[in-house]
Amino acid sequence: MDIQQLLANIPVFLKTMIQLLIQPKKTMEEAKQYKWQYLDMLVYLKLAALPAFVGLLIGHVWFWYAQLGGAILLSLILFVASFLGVLIGGLLLNALAPMVKVTQQPMQIMKLFSFMATPFLLIGIINIYPVWPMMILTIIAAVYGFFIFYQGIPILLKIPKEQQMSFFILGIVVFVIGWAILWGVWIGLDITLESMLWPYAYGFM
């Protein structure tokens, strides 16, 4: 992989993320021409997960008054877990595709799975102010991600119409299980790193 070419693609990745939120169908029509490699996918997901990292870091320091060192450590771990989780989810979805009679297409399926996760990753910035009313935005982002996934199935995968709904349901199941595991990791780390992150003193709700 040409590192210079990869760096040159970063503006393309950022443009894709923004356009995906505004014109998902058109964006995926254009994206199906991209010849992404695994490293491209990794860079794209790192960029998409950056808002969540920033939100977690600022939220822990400002909202919960956590110690800076512990907040950085926890945010960094969850940042890595976020984009690696999407990569693993995409690989798992590709591996399970034959269950719903869909041909395995590793890069295209992972690309589509990454696009589905994009709104959910970007909305992670709300962790700056992690109160329950803000969590509604997370649900909206997830639903919009499912909409992107549904629209992208015929565009990126070109599978028969009778298999599209089965694959759509399979994708949602993989996504929901993956993010449930991530939330579990988050809670577990909060408990494990308690001594580094205390004192948790809620500022205002």
N, C-alpha and C. Protein backbone atom coordinates (compact mmCIF):
# COMPACT_ATOMS: atom_id res chain seq x y z
N MET A 1 0.84 -1.19 0.00
CA MET A 1 0.00 0.00 0.00
C MET A 1 0.88 1.25 0.00
N ASP A 2 0.61 2.16 -0.90
CA ASP A 2 1.31 3.43 -0.99
C ASP A 2 0.78 4.36 0.10
N ILE A 3 1.66 4.67 1.09
CA ILE A 3 1.24 5.50 2.21
C ILE A 3 0.82 6.88 1.74
N GLN A 4 1.54 7.41 0.77
CA GLN A 4 1.18 8.74 0.25
C GLN A 4 -0.22 8.72 -0.36
N GLN A 5 -0.52 7.65 -1.07
CA GLN A 5 -1.86 7.53 -1.67
C GLN A 5 -2.92 7.40 -0.59
N LEU A 6 -2.59 6.67 0.47
CA LEU A 6 -3.52 6.50 1.58
C LEU A 6 -3.81 7.85 2.25
N LEU A 7 -2.77 8.63 2.47
CA LEU A 7 -2.94 9.95 3.07
C LEU A 7 -3.74 10.87 2.15
N ALA A 8 -3.51 10.71 0.85
CA ALA A 8 -4.24 11.52 -0.13
C ALA A 8 -5.72 11.17 -0.14
N ASN A 9 -6.05 9.94 0.29
CA ASN A 9 -7.45 9.49 0.30
C ASN A 9 -8.23 10.00 1.51
N ILE A 10 -7.53 10.52 2.52
CA ILE A 10 -8.20 10.97 3.75
C ILE A 10 -9.29 12.00 3.46
N PRO A 11 -9.02 13.04 2.62
CA PRO A 11 -10.11 13.98 2.30
C PRO A 11 -11.30 13.30 1.64
N VAL A 12 -11.03 12.25 0.84
CA VAL A 12 -12.11 11.50 0.19
C VAL A 12 -12.95 10.78 1.24
N PHE A 13 -12.27 10.18 2.22
CA PHE A 13 -12.98 9.48 3.29
C PHE A 13 -13.87 10.45 4.08
N LEU A 14 -13.32 11.61 4.41
CA LEU A 14 -14.08 12.61 5.18
C LEU A 14 -15.28 13.10 4.38
N LYS A 15 -15.07 13.32 3.09
CA LYS A 15 -16.17 13.76 2.22
C LYS A 15 -17.26 12.69 2.15
N THR A 16 -16.83 11.42 2.08
CA THR A 16 -17.77 10.31 2.03
C THR A 16 -18.63 10.26 3.28
N MET A 17 -18.01 10.45 4.46
CA MET A 17 -18.76 10.42 5.72
C MET A 17 -19.84 11.49 5.75
N ILE A 18 -19.47 12.71 5.36
CA ILE A 18 -20.42 13.82 5.39
C ILE A 18 -21.54 13.60 4.38
N GLN A 19 -21.18 13.22 3.16
CA GLN A 19 -22.20 13.02 2.13
C GLN A 19 -23.09 11.83 2.44
N LEU A 20 -22.54 10.84 3.14
CA LEU A 20 -23.32 9.66 3.50
C LEU A 20 -24.50 10.03 4.38
N LEU A 21 -24.34 11.05 5.21
CA LEU A 21 -25.41 11.50 6.09
C LEU A 21 -26.47 12.30 5.36
N ILE A 22 -26.07 12.92 4.24
CA ILE A 22 -26.97 13.80 3.51
C ILE A 22 -27.60 13.11 2.31
N GLN A 23 -26.77 12.41 1.54
CA GLN A 23 -27.23 11.74 0.32
C GLN A 23 -26.68 10.31 0.30
N PRO A 24 -27.21 9.45 1.16
CA PRO A 24 -26.63 8.10 1.28
C PRO A 24 -26.65 7.29 -0.01
N LYS A 25 -27.75 7.35 -0.73
CA LYS A 25 -27.85 6.54 -1.95
C LYS A 25 -26.84 6.99 -3.00
N LYS A 26 -26.77 8.28 -3.23
CA LYS A 26 -25.82 8.81 -4.21
C LYS A 26 -24.38 8.54 -3.79
N THR A 27 -24.11 8.69 -2.50
CA THR A 27 -22.76 8.46 -1.98
C THR A 27 -22.33 7.03 -2.18
N MET A 28 -23.23 6.08 -1.94
CA MET A 28 -22.88 4.67 -2.11
C MET A 28 -22.76 4.29 -3.58
N GLU A 29 -23.51 4.95 -4.45
CA GLU A 29 -23.35 4.73 -5.89
C GLU A 29 -21.93 5.10 -6.31
N GLU A 30 -21.43 6.20 -5.74
CA GLU A 30 -20.07 6.63 -6.06
C GLU A 30 -19.04 5.73 -5.37
N ALA A 31 -19.34 5.33 -4.12
CA ALA A 31 -18.39 4.55 -3.33
C ALA A 31 -18.19 3.14 -3.86
N LYS A 32 -19.14 2.61 -4.60
CA LYS A 32 -18.98 1.25 -5.11
C LYS A 32 -17.84 1.15 -6.11
N GLN A 33 -17.39 2.30 -6.60
CA GLN A 33 -16.27 2.32 -7.54
C GLN A 33 -14.93 2.33 -6.82
N TYR A 34 -14.95 2.65 -5.51
CA TYR A 34 -13.70 2.72 -4.76
C TYR A 34 -13.11 1.33 -4.60
N LYS A 35 -11.86 1.18 -4.89
CA LYS A 35 -11.17 -0.10 -4.70
C LYS A 35 -10.45 -0.07 -3.35
N TRP A 36 -11.24 -0.16 -2.29
CA TRP A 36 -10.67 -0.09 -0.95
C TRP A 36 -9.94 -1.38 -0.59
N GLN A 37 -8.85 -1.20 0.16
CA GLN A 37 -8.15 -2.31 0.78
C GLN A 37 -8.45 -2.27 2.28
N TYR A 38 -7.96 -3.27 3.00
CA TYR A 38 -8.24 -3.32 4.44
C TYR A 38 -7.67 -2.09 5.16
N LEU A 39 -6.51 -1.61 4.72
CA LEU A 39 -5.92 -0.44 5.36
C LEU A 39 -6.77 0.80 5.11
N ASP A 40 -7.36 0.91 3.93
CA ASP A 40 -8.27 2.01 3.64
C ASP A 40 -9.46 1.98 4.62
N MET A 41 -10.00 0.79 4.80
CA MET A 41 -11.14 0.62 5.70
C MET A 41 -10.77 1.02 7.13
N LEU A 42 -9.56 0.63 7.53
CA LEU A 42 -9.10 0.93 8.88
C LEU A 42 -8.97 2.45 9.08
N VAL A 43 -8.40 3.14 8.10
CA VAL A 43 -8.24 4.60 8.20
C VAL A 43 -9.61 5.27 8.21
N TYR A 44 -10.53 4.81 7.35
CA TYR A 44 -11.88 5.38 7.31
C TYR A 44 -12.55 5.27 8.68
N LEU A 45 -12.47 4.09 9.28
CA LEU A 45 -13.14 3.87 10.56
C LEU A 45 -12.46 4.63 11.70
N LYS A 46 -11.14 4.78 11.64
CA LYS A 46 -10.45 5.59 12.64
C LYS A 46 -10.95 7.03 12.60
N LEU A 47 -11.10 7.55 11.39
CA LEU A 47 -11.60 8.93 11.24
C LEU A 47 -13.04 9.05 11.75
N ALA A 48 -13.86 8.04 11.43
CA ALA A 48 -15.27 8.08 11.85
C ALA A 48 -15.41 7.97 13.36
N ALA A 49 -14.47 7.27 14.01
CA ALA A 49 -14.54 7.07 15.46
C ALA A 49 -13.92 8.22 16.25
N LEU A 50 -13.24 9.14 15.58
CA LEU A 50 -12.59 10.25 16.29
C LEU A 50 -13.57 11.10 17.11
N PRO A 51 -14.77 11.45 16.58
CA PRO A 51 -15.70 12.22 17.41
C PRO A 51 -16.06 11.53 18.72
N ALA A 52 -16.20 10.20 18.68
CA ALA A 52 -16.51 9.45 19.90
C ALA A 52 -15.35 9.55 20.89
N PHE A 53 -14.12 9.49 20.38
CA PHE A 53 -12.94 9.61 21.25
C PHE A 53 -12.91 10.99 21.92
N VAL A 54 -13.13 12.02 21.12
CA VAL A 54 -13.15 13.39 21.67
C VAL A 54 -14.27 13.55 22.69
N GLY A 55 -15.46 13.03 22.35
CA GLY A 55 -16.60 13.13 23.26
C GLY A 55 -16.35 12.42 24.58
N LEU A 56 -15.79 11.22 24.51
CA LEU A 56 -15.51 10.46 25.72
C LEU A 56 -14.47 11.16 26.59
N LEU A 57 -13.42 11.66 25.95
CA LEU A 57 -12.35 12.30 26.70
C LEU A 57 -12.84 13.56 27.41
N ILE A 58 -13.50 14.43 26.67
CA ILE A 58 -13.99 15.68 27.27
C ILE A 58 -15.08 15.39 28.29
N GLY A 59 -15.96 14.43 27.97
CA GLY A 59 -17.05 14.09 28.89
C GLY A 59 -16.55 13.59 30.23
N HIS A 60 -15.52 12.72 30.19
CA HIS A 60 -15.00 12.19 31.45
C HIS A 60 -14.32 13.27 32.27
N VAL A 61 -13.58 14.15 31.62
CA VAL A 61 -12.85 15.19 32.35
C VAL A 61 -13.77 16.30 32.83
N TRP A 62 -14.66 16.75 31.93
CA TRP A 62 -15.50 17.92 32.23
C TRP A 62 -16.77 17.55 32.99
N PHE A 63 -17.45 16.49 32.54
CA PHE A 63 -18.75 16.16 33.12
C PHE A 63 -18.61 15.35 34.40
N TRP A 64 -17.68 14.36 34.37
CA TRP A 64 -17.51 13.50 35.53
C TRP A 64 -16.31 13.88 36.39
N TYR A 65 -15.55 14.88 35.99
CA TYR A 65 -14.37 15.32 36.73
C TYR A 65 -13.38 14.19 36.95
N ALA A 66 -13.20 13.36 35.94
CA ALA A 66 -12.25 12.25 36.04
C ALA A 66 -10.83 12.78 35.92
N GLN A 67 -9.88 12.01 36.42
CA GLN A 67 -8.48 12.35 36.28
C GLN A 67 -8.08 12.22 34.81
N LEU A 68 -7.26 13.13 34.33
CA LEU A 68 -6.94 13.20 32.90
C LEU A 68 -6.30 11.92 32.38
N GLY A 69 -5.35 11.37 33.14
CA GLY A 69 -4.65 10.17 32.68
C GLY A 69 -5.60 9.00 32.47
N GLY A 70 -6.47 8.78 33.44
CA GLY A 70 -7.43 7.68 33.32
C GLY A 70 -8.42 7.91 32.21
N ALA A 71 -8.86 9.17 32.03
CA ALA A 71 -9.81 9.49 30.97
C ALA A 71 -9.20 9.25 29.60
N ILE A 72 -7.94 9.62 29.42
CA ILE A 72 -7.26 9.39 28.14
C ILE A 72 -7.15 7.90 27.86
N LEU A 73 -6.76 7.14 28.88
CA LEU A 73 -6.59 5.70 28.72
C LEU A 73 -7.91 5.03 28.34
N LEU A 74 -8.97 5.34 29.07
CA LEU A 74 -10.27 4.73 28.79
C LEU A 74 -10.78 5.14 27.41
N SER A 75 -10.65 6.41 27.07
CA SER A 75 -11.14 6.90 25.77
C SER A 75 -10.36 6.27 24.63
N LEU A 76 -9.05 6.11 24.81
CA LEU A 76 -8.21 5.52 23.77
C LEU A 76 -8.58 4.05 23.56
N ILE A 77 -8.79 3.32 24.66
CA ILE A 77 -9.16 1.90 24.55
C ILE A 77 -10.49 1.76 23.82
N LEU A 78 -11.46 2.59 24.18
CA LEU A 78 -12.78 2.49 23.55
C LEU A 78 -12.75 2.97 22.10
N PHE A 79 -11.87 3.94 21.81
CA PHE A 79 -11.67 4.39 20.44
C PHE A 79 -11.20 3.23 19.56
N VAL A 80 -10.19 2.52 20.03
CA VAL A 80 -9.66 1.37 19.28
C VAL A 80 -10.72 0.28 19.18
N ALA A 81 -11.41 0.02 20.29
CA ALA A 81 -12.44 -1.02 20.29
C ALA A 81 -13.57 -0.70 19.31
N SER A 82 -13.88 0.59 19.15
CA SER A 82 -14.97 0.99 18.26
C SER A 82 -14.70 0.62 16.81
N PHE A 83 -13.52 1.06 16.31
CA PHE A 83 -13.29 0.79 14.89
C PHE A 83 -12.89 -0.65 14.62
N LEU A 84 -12.21 -1.28 15.58
CA LEU A 84 -11.91 -2.70 15.40
C LEU A 84 -13.18 -3.54 15.47
N GLY A 85 -14.13 -3.11 16.31
CA GLY A 85 -15.40 -3.83 16.41
C GLY A 85 -16.17 -3.81 15.10
N VAL A 86 -16.12 -2.67 14.40
CA VAL A 86 -16.80 -2.59 13.10
C VAL A 86 -16.11 -3.48 12.08
N LEU A 87 -14.78 -3.49 12.08
CA LEU A 87 -14.04 -4.35 11.17
C LEU A 87 -14.38 -5.82 11.41
N ILE A 88 -14.38 -6.22 12.68
CA ILE A 88 -14.69 -7.61 13.02
C ILE A 88 -16.14 -7.93 12.66
N GLY A 89 -17.04 -6.96 12.91
CA GLY A 89 -18.45 -7.16 12.56
C GLY A 89 -18.63 -7.36 11.07
N GLY A 90 -17.89 -6.58 10.27
CA GLY A 90 -17.97 -6.73 8.82
C GLY A 90 -17.46 -8.09 8.35
N LEU A 91 -16.36 -8.53 8.97
CA LEU A 91 -15.83 -9.86 8.63
C LEU A 91 -16.80 -10.97 9.02
N LEU A 92 -17.42 -10.80 10.20
CA LEU A 92 -18.40 -11.80 10.66
C LEU A 92 -19.62 -11.83 9.75
N LEU A 93 -20.09 -10.66 9.35
CA LEU A 93 -21.24 -10.60 8.45
C LEU A 93 -20.92 -11.27 7.12
N ASN A 94 -19.71 -11.06 6.63
CA ASN A 94 -19.30 -11.71 5.38
C ASN A 94 -19.24 -13.23 5.55
N ALA A 95 -18.75 -13.67 6.72
CA ALA A 95 -18.65 -15.11 6.98
C ALA A 95 -20.03 -15.75 7.08
N LEU A 96 -21.00 -15.00 7.61
CA LEU A 96 -22.35 -15.54 7.80
C LEU A 96 -23.24 -15.38 6.56
N ALA A 97 -22.78 -14.60 5.59
CA ALA A 97 -23.59 -14.31 4.40
C ALA A 97 -24.16 -15.57 3.72
N PRO A 98 -23.39 -16.66 3.60
CA PRO A 98 -23.96 -17.86 2.96
C PRO A 98 -25.19 -18.42 3.67
N MET A 99 -25.37 -18.09 4.95
CA MET A 99 -26.55 -18.56 5.69
C MET A 99 -27.84 -18.03 5.08
N VAL A 100 -27.76 -16.85 4.46
CA VAL A 100 -28.94 -16.27 3.82
C VAL A 100 -28.77 -16.29 2.29
N LYS A 101 -27.93 -17.21 1.84
CA LYS A 101 -27.72 -17.45 0.40
C LYS A 101 -27.19 -16.22 -0.34
N VAL A 102 -26.27 -15.51 0.34
CA VAL A 102 -25.62 -14.36 -0.26
C VAL A 102 -24.14 -14.71 -0.47
N THR A 103 -23.63 -14.42 -1.64
CA THR A 103 -22.24 -14.71 -1.95
C THR A 103 -21.32 -13.82 -1.12
N GLN A 104 -20.25 -14.40 -0.61
CA GLN A 104 -19.30 -13.64 0.18
C GLN A 104 -18.57 -12.63 -0.71
N GLN A 105 -18.56 -11.37 -0.26
CA GLN A 105 -17.87 -10.29 -0.96
C GLN A 105 -17.17 -9.46 0.13
N PRO A 106 -16.02 -9.92 0.63
CA PRO A 106 -15.42 -9.33 1.83
C PRO A 106 -15.34 -7.82 1.85
N MET A 107 -14.74 -7.22 0.84
CA MET A 107 -14.53 -5.78 0.89
C MET A 107 -15.84 -5.00 0.75
N GLN A 108 -16.73 -5.46 -0.12
CA GLN A 108 -17.98 -4.75 -0.32
C GLN A 108 -18.88 -4.85 0.91
N ILE A 109 -18.93 -6.03 1.51
CA ILE A 109 -19.74 -6.21 2.71
C ILE A 109 -19.17 -5.40 3.87
N MET A 110 -17.84 -5.40 4.01
CA MET A 110 -17.22 -4.62 5.08
C MET A 110 -17.41 -3.12 4.84
N LYS A 111 -17.38 -2.72 3.58
CA LYS A 111 -17.61 -1.31 3.25
C LYS A 111 -19.03 -0.92 3.64
N LEU A 112 -19.99 -1.77 3.29
CA LEU A 112 -21.39 -1.48 3.61
C LEU A 112 -21.61 -1.47 5.12
N PHE A 113 -20.99 -2.41 5.83
CA PHE A 113 -21.13 -2.47 7.28
C PHE A 113 -20.52 -1.23 7.93
N SER A 114 -19.40 -0.77 7.37
CA SER A 114 -18.76 0.45 7.87
C SER A 114 -19.64 1.67 7.64
N PHE A 115 -20.30 1.71 6.49
CA PHE A 115 -21.21 2.82 6.20
C PHE A 115 -22.39 2.81 7.18
N MET A 116 -22.89 1.61 7.49
CA MET A 116 -23.99 1.51 8.44
C MET A 116 -23.56 2.04 9.81
N ALA A 117 -22.33 1.77 10.20
CA ALA A 117 -21.84 2.18 11.52
C ALA A 117 -21.46 3.66 11.58
N THR A 118 -21.28 4.30 10.42
CA THR A 118 -20.78 5.67 10.39
C THR A 118 -21.61 6.65 11.22
N PRO A 119 -22.95 6.73 11.06
CA PRO A 119 -23.71 7.68 11.89
C PRO A 119 -23.56 7.40 13.38
N PHE A 120 -23.52 6.13 13.74
CA PHE A 120 -23.40 5.73 15.14
C PHE A 120 -22.05 6.16 15.71
N LEU A 121 -20.99 6.03 14.91
CA LEU A 121 -19.67 6.44 15.35
C LEU A 121 -19.58 7.96 15.48
N LEU A 122 -20.07 8.67 14.48
CA LEU A 122 -19.98 10.13 14.47
C LEU A 122 -20.76 10.76 15.62
N ILE A 123 -21.91 10.16 15.96
CA ILE A 123 -22.75 10.74 17.01
C ILE A 123 -22.11 10.56 18.39
N GLY A 124 -21.01 9.81 18.45
CA GLY A 124 -20.31 9.61 19.71
C GLY A 124 -19.82 10.90 20.34
N ILE A 125 -19.82 11.99 19.57
CA ILE A 125 -19.41 13.28 20.10
C ILE A 125 -20.32 13.73 21.24
N ILE A 126 -21.54 13.17 21.30
CA ILE A 126 -22.48 13.58 22.36
C ILE A 126 -22.03 13.13 23.74
N ASN A 127 -21.00 12.28 23.80
CA ASN A 127 -20.48 11.88 25.10
C ASN A 127 -19.85 13.04 25.86
N ILE A 128 -19.67 14.17 25.18
CA ILE A 128 -19.22 15.38 25.87
C ILE A 128 -20.22 15.74 26.97
N TYR A 129 -21.49 15.48 26.70
CA TYR A 129 -22.55 15.78 27.68
C TYR A 129 -23.48 14.57 27.76
N PRO A 130 -23.03 13.50 28.45
CA PRO A 130 -23.71 12.20 28.41
C PRO A 130 -24.93 12.09 29.32
N VAL A 131 -25.99 12.82 28.99
CA VAL A 131 -27.23 12.71 29.76
C VAL A 131 -28.24 11.93 28.94
N TRP A 132 -29.24 11.35 29.60
CA TRP A 132 -30.17 10.46 28.92
C TRP A 132 -30.92 11.09 27.75
N PRO A 133 -31.37 12.34 27.83
CA PRO A 133 -32.04 12.92 26.66
C PRO A 133 -31.18 12.93 25.40
N MET A 134 -29.86 13.07 25.59
CA MET A 134 -28.95 13.07 24.45
C MET A 134 -28.84 11.68 23.83
N MET A 135 -29.13 10.65 24.62
CA MET A 135 -29.03 9.29 24.12
C MET A 135 -30.06 9.01 23.02
N ILE A 136 -31.11 9.83 22.98
CA ILE A 136 -32.11 9.69 21.91
C ILE A 136 -31.44 9.88 20.55
N LEU A 137 -30.45 10.76 20.50
CA LEU A 137 -29.72 10.98 19.25
C LEU A 137 -28.96 9.73 18.82
N THR A 138 -28.49 8.97 19.81
CA THR A 138 -27.80 7.72 19.49
C THR A 138 -28.75 6.73 18.83
N ILE A 139 -29.97 6.65 19.34
CA ILE A 139 -30.98 5.76 18.76
C ILE A 139 -31.32 6.20 17.34
N ILE A 140 -31.47 7.51 17.14
CA ILE A 140 -31.76 8.04 15.81
C ILE A 140 -30.62 7.71 14.84
N ALA A 141 -29.38 7.86 15.33
CA ALA A 141 -28.22 7.57 14.49
C ALA A 141 -28.19 6.09 14.10
N ALA A 142 -28.52 5.22 15.05
CA ALA A 142 -28.53 3.79 14.76
C ALA A 142 -29.59 3.46 13.72
N VAL A 143 -30.79 4.02 13.87
CA VAL A 143 -31.87 3.77 12.92
C VAL A 143 -31.48 4.28 11.53
N TYR A 144 -30.86 5.46 11.48
CA TYR A 144 -30.43 6.00 10.20
C TYR A 144 -29.34 5.11 9.58
N GLY A 145 -28.49 4.55 10.44
CA GLY A 145 -27.48 3.61 9.95
C GLY A 145 -28.12 2.38 9.32
N PHE A 146 -29.21 1.88 9.93
CA PHE A 146 -29.92 0.74 9.36
C PHE A 146 -30.53 1.11 7.99
N PHE A 147 -31.02 2.35 7.89
CA PHE A 147 -31.58 2.84 6.62
C PHE A 147 -30.50 2.87 5.54
N ILE A 148 -29.31 3.35 5.90
CA ILE A 148 -28.19 3.38 4.96
C ILE A 148 -27.84 1.96 4.52
N PHE A 149 -27.81 1.05 5.49
CA PHE A 149 -27.49 -0.34 5.19
C PHE A 149 -28.51 -0.94 4.22
N TYR A 150 -29.77 -0.69 4.48
CA TYR A 150 -30.84 -1.23 3.62
C TYR A 150 -30.72 -0.69 2.19
N GLN A 151 -30.46 0.61 2.08
CA GLN A 151 -30.33 1.20 0.75
C GLN A 151 -29.08 0.70 0.02
N GLY A 152 -28.04 0.40 0.79
CA GLY A 152 -26.78 0.02 0.17
C GLY A 152 -26.70 -1.42 -0.29
N ILE A 153 -27.59 -2.28 0.20
CA ILE A 153 -27.52 -3.70 -0.16
C ILE A 153 -27.60 -3.91 -1.67
N PRO A 154 -28.62 -3.39 -2.37
CA PRO A 154 -28.67 -3.60 -3.82
C PRO A 154 -27.59 -2.82 -4.57
N ILE A 155 -27.12 -1.70 -4.00
CA ILE A 155 -26.13 -0.88 -4.69
C ILE A 155 -24.74 -1.51 -4.64
N LEU A 156 -24.31 -1.90 -3.43
CA LEU A 156 -22.95 -2.40 -3.27
C LEU A 156 -22.82 -3.91 -3.47
N LEU A 157 -23.87 -4.64 -3.20
CA LEU A 157 -23.78 -6.10 -3.23
C LEU A 157 -24.45 -6.74 -4.44
N LYS A 158 -25.44 -6.06 -4.99
CA LYS A 158 -26.16 -6.58 -6.17
C LYS A 158 -26.67 -8.00 -5.95
N ILE A 159 -27.30 -8.21 -4.81
CA ILE A 159 -27.84 -9.54 -4.53
C ILE A 159 -29.31 -9.59 -4.95
N PRO A 160 -29.83 -10.78 -5.24
CA PRO A 160 -31.23 -10.90 -5.65
C PRO A 160 -32.18 -10.31 -4.62
N LYS A 161 -33.27 -9.76 -5.10
CA LYS A 161 -34.22 -9.07 -4.21
C LYS A 161 -34.75 -9.96 -3.12
N GLU A 162 -34.94 -11.25 -3.41
CA GLU A 162 -35.51 -12.16 -2.41
C GLU A 162 -34.55 -12.42 -1.24
N GLN A 163 -33.25 -12.14 -1.42
CA GLN A 163 -32.28 -12.32 -0.34
C GLN A 163 -31.99 -11.02 0.43
N GLN A 164 -32.46 -9.91 -0.09
CA GLN A 164 -32.09 -8.62 0.50
C GLN A 164 -32.59 -8.46 1.93
N MET A 165 -33.85 -8.81 2.19
CA MET A 165 -34.39 -8.64 3.53
C MET A 165 -33.71 -9.56 4.54
N SER A 166 -33.42 -10.78 4.13
CA SER A 166 -32.74 -11.72 5.03
C SER A 166 -31.35 -11.20 5.39
N PHE A 167 -30.65 -10.66 4.41
CA PHE A 167 -29.31 -10.12 4.67
C PHE A 167 -29.40 -8.86 5.53
N PHE A 168 -30.42 -8.07 5.31
CA PHE A 168 -30.63 -6.86 6.10
C PHE A 168 -30.82 -7.21 7.57
N ILE A 169 -31.67 -8.19 7.86
CA ILE A 169 -31.91 -8.62 9.24
C ILE A 169 -30.64 -9.18 9.86
N LEU A 170 -29.90 -9.97 9.08
CA LEU A 170 -28.64 -10.53 9.58
C LEU A 170 -27.66 -9.41 9.94
N GLY A 171 -27.59 -8.39 9.11
CA GLY A 171 -26.69 -7.26 9.38
C GLY A 171 -27.06 -6.53 10.65
N ILE A 172 -28.36 -6.33 10.87
CA ILE A 172 -28.81 -5.65 12.09
C ILE A 172 -28.45 -6.47 13.32
N VAL A 173 -28.65 -7.77 13.25
CA VAL A 173 -28.35 -8.65 14.40
C VAL A 173 -26.86 -8.56 14.74
N VAL A 174 -26.01 -8.65 13.72
CA VAL A 174 -24.56 -8.57 13.95
C VAL A 174 -24.20 -7.21 14.56
N PHE A 175 -24.79 -6.14 14.02
CA PHE A 175 -24.49 -4.79 14.50
C PHE A 175 -24.91 -4.61 15.96
N VAL A 176 -26.13 -5.02 16.28
CA VAL A 176 -26.66 -4.85 17.64
C VAL A 176 -25.84 -5.65 18.65
N ILE A 177 -25.51 -6.89 18.31
CA ILE A 177 -24.70 -7.72 19.21
C ILE A 177 -23.33 -7.09 19.42
N GLY A 178 -22.74 -6.60 18.33
CA GLY A 178 -21.42 -5.98 18.41
C GLY A 178 -21.41 -4.76 19.33
N TRP A 179 -22.42 -3.90 19.19
CA TRP A 179 -22.44 -2.69 20.02
C TRP A 179 -22.84 -3.00 21.45
N ALA A 180 -23.61 -4.08 21.66
CA ALA A 180 -23.91 -4.49 23.03
C ALA A 180 -22.63 -4.94 23.73
N ILE A 181 -21.77 -5.64 22.98
CA ILE A 181 -20.48 -6.07 23.54
C ILE A 181 -19.61 -4.85 23.86
N LEU A 182 -19.62 -3.87 22.96
CA LEU A 182 -18.83 -2.66 23.18
C LEU A 182 -19.29 -1.92 24.43
N TRP A 183 -20.60 -1.79 24.61
CA TRP A 183 -21.12 -1.13 25.82
C TRP A 183 -20.72 -1.91 27.07
N GLY A 184 -20.71 -3.25 26.94
CA GLY A 184 -20.27 -4.07 28.06
C GLY A 184 -18.81 -3.82 28.39
N VAL A 185 -17.99 -3.69 27.36
CA VAL A 185 -16.57 -3.39 27.56
C VAL A 185 -16.42 -2.03 28.24
N TRP A 186 -17.22 -1.06 27.79
CA TRP A 186 -17.17 0.29 28.37
C TRP A 186 -17.47 0.24 29.88
N ILE A 187 -18.56 -0.43 30.23
CA ILE A 187 -18.94 -0.52 31.64
C ILE A 187 -17.87 -1.26 32.44
N GLY A 188 -17.36 -2.36 31.86
CA GLY A 188 -16.33 -3.13 32.54
C GLY A 188 -15.07 -2.32 32.79
N LEU A 189 -14.67 -1.52 31.78
CA LEU A 189 -13.49 -0.69 31.93
C LEU A 189 -13.71 0.40 32.96
N ASP A 190 -14.90 0.97 32.97
CA ASP A 190 -15.22 2.00 33.96
C ASP A 190 -15.03 1.45 35.38
N ILE A 191 -15.46 0.20 35.57
CA ILE A 191 -15.35 -0.42 36.90
C ILE A 191 -13.89 -0.78 37.19
N THR A 192 -13.21 -1.37 36.19
CA THR A 192 -11.84 -1.82 36.37
C THR A 192 -10.88 -0.66 36.63
N LEU A 193 -11.10 0.45 35.87
CA LEU A 193 -10.19 1.60 35.99
C LEU A 193 -10.69 2.62 37.01
N GLU A 194 -11.57 2.16 37.88
CA GLU A 194 -12.20 3.06 38.86
C GLU A 194 -11.19 3.89 39.63
N SER A 195 -10.10 3.26 40.05
CA SER A 195 -9.12 3.97 40.87
C SER A 195 -8.41 5.08 40.11
N MET A 196 -8.36 4.93 38.78
CA MET A 196 -7.69 5.94 37.97
C MET A 196 -8.65 7.06 37.58
N LEU A 197 -9.94 6.74 37.52
CA LEU A 197 -10.91 7.70 37.02
C LEU A 197 -11.62 8.49 38.11
N TRP A 198 -11.62 7.99 39.31
CA TRP A 198 -12.29 8.70 40.39
C TRP A 198 -11.58 10.02 40.66
N PRO A 199 -12.26 11.04 41.20
CA PRO A 199 -13.65 10.95 41.68
C PRO A 199 -14.64 11.25 40.57
N TYR A 200 -15.67 10.41 40.48
CA TYR A 200 -16.80 10.71 39.62
C TYR A 200 -17.75 11.59 40.42
N ALA A 201 -17.85 12.80 40.07
CA ALA A 201 -18.77 13.71 40.75
C ALA A 201 -19.62 14.36 39.69
N TYR A 202 -20.86 13.93 39.56
CA TYR A 202 -21.71 14.45 38.51
C TYR A 202 -21.86 15.96 38.62
N GLY A 203 -21.57 16.62 37.52
CA GLY A 203 -21.64 18.06 37.50
C GLY A 203 -23.08 18.54 37.48
N PHE A 204 -23.80 18.23 36.42
CA PHE A 204 -25.21 18.64 36.31
C PHE A 204 -25.89 17.74 35.31
N MET A 205 -27.17 17.50 35.51
CA MET A 205 -27.93 16.59 34.65
C MET A 205 -29.09 17.35 34.03
